[in-house]
Protein backbone atom coordinates (compact mmCIF):
# COMPACT_ATOMS: atom_id res chain seq x y z
CA MET A 1 45.94 -14.01 15.47
CA TYR A 2 43.82 -15.39 12.67
CA ILE A 3 41.06 -16.42 15.08
CA CYS A 4 40.95 -12.94 16.57
CA LYS A 5 40.53 -11.38 13.13
CA CYS A 6 37.75 -13.79 12.32
CA MET A 7 35.99 -13.06 15.58
CA ASP A 8 36.29 -9.31 15.05
CA LEU A 9 34.90 -9.66 11.56
CA PHE A 10 32.06 -11.81 12.84
CA LYS A 11 31.21 -9.29 15.55
CA LYS A 12 31.19 -6.43 13.10
CA THR A 13 28.96 -8.20 10.63
CA SER A 14 26.61 -9.47 13.30
CA GLN A 15 26.28 -5.98 14.75
CA ARG A 16 25.62 -4.56 11.35
CA PHE A 17 22.90 -7.08 10.64
CA THR A 18 21.24 -6.69 13.99
CA ARG A 19 21.30 -2.94 13.69
CA ASP A 20 20.19 -2.62 10.10
CA ASN A 21 17.64 -5.38 9.84
CA PRO A 22 14.95 -4.05 12.17
CA ARG A 23 15.09 -0.68 10.48
CA ASP A 24 14.79 -2.26 7.09
CA ARG A 25 11.86 -4.34 8.25
CA ARG A 26 10.13 -1.28 9.63
CA LYS A 27 10.72 0.61 6.41
CA GLU A 28 9.39 -2.26 4.33
CA PHE A 29 6.41 -2.66 6.61
CA SER A 30 5.60 1.04 6.43
CA LYS A 31 5.96 0.97 2.64
CA GLU A 32 3.61 -2.00 2.42
CA LYS A 33 1.18 -0.25 4.72
CA GLU A 34 1.24 2.86 2.54
CA LYS A 35 0.66 0.76 -0.56
CA LYS A 36 -2.32 -0.94 1.05
CA LYS A 37 -3.76 2.42 2.09
CA LYS A 38 -3.38 3.74 -1.45
CA GLU A 39 -5.02 0.62 -2.87
CA LYS A 40 -7.92 0.94 -0.45
CA LYS A 41 -8.36 4.59 -1.38
CA MET A 42 -8.34 3.70 -5.05
CA VAL A 43 -10.92 0.98 -4.57
CA ILE A 44 -13.12 3.32 -2.55
CA LEU A 45 -12.80 6.05 -5.17
CA GLN A 46 -13.64 3.61 -7.95
CA PHE A 47 -16.66 2.41 -6.02
CA GLN A 48 -17.82 5.97 -5.37
CA THR A 49 -17.44 6.97 -9.00
CA SER A 50 -19.31 3.88 -10.12
CA ILE A 51 -22.15 4.72 -7.74
CA ILE A 52 -22.23 8.31 -8.95
CA ASN A 53 -22.19 7.21 -12.58
CA SER A 54 -24.93 4.67 -12.05
CA SER A 55 -27.09 7.22 -10.25
CA LYS A 56 -26.58 9.68 -13.12
CA GLU A 57 -27.51 7.01 -15.63
CA TYR A 58 -30.58 6.14 -13.61
CA LYS A 59 -31.66 9.79 -13.46
CA GLU A 60 -31.09 10.20 -17.18
CA SER A 61 -33.06 7.08 -18.00
CA LYS A 62 -35.84 8.21 -15.68
CA GLU A 63 -35.97 11.60 -17.38
CA GLU A 64 -36.08 9.93 -20.79
CA THR A 65 -38.99 7.71 -19.78
CA ILE A 66 -40.85 10.71 -18.40
CA GLN A 67 -40.28 12.59 -21.66
CA VAL A 68 -41.49 9.63 -23.68
CA ILE A 69 -44.64 9.29 -21.61
């Protein structure tokens, strides 16, 4: 009797873990993927803004030198 209860419990827990774990892994993987995408977008945006800012500064400095000359 006791052994049967233990086996039933074991089966239930093992089923639960085998069913839930892959889903959890997929969810975690997709979350990590989304985070990486967001980080990449942020880095790209920062790079673009730095390029834009540097080009503006260059234009401004060029205009200033032209005005001085």
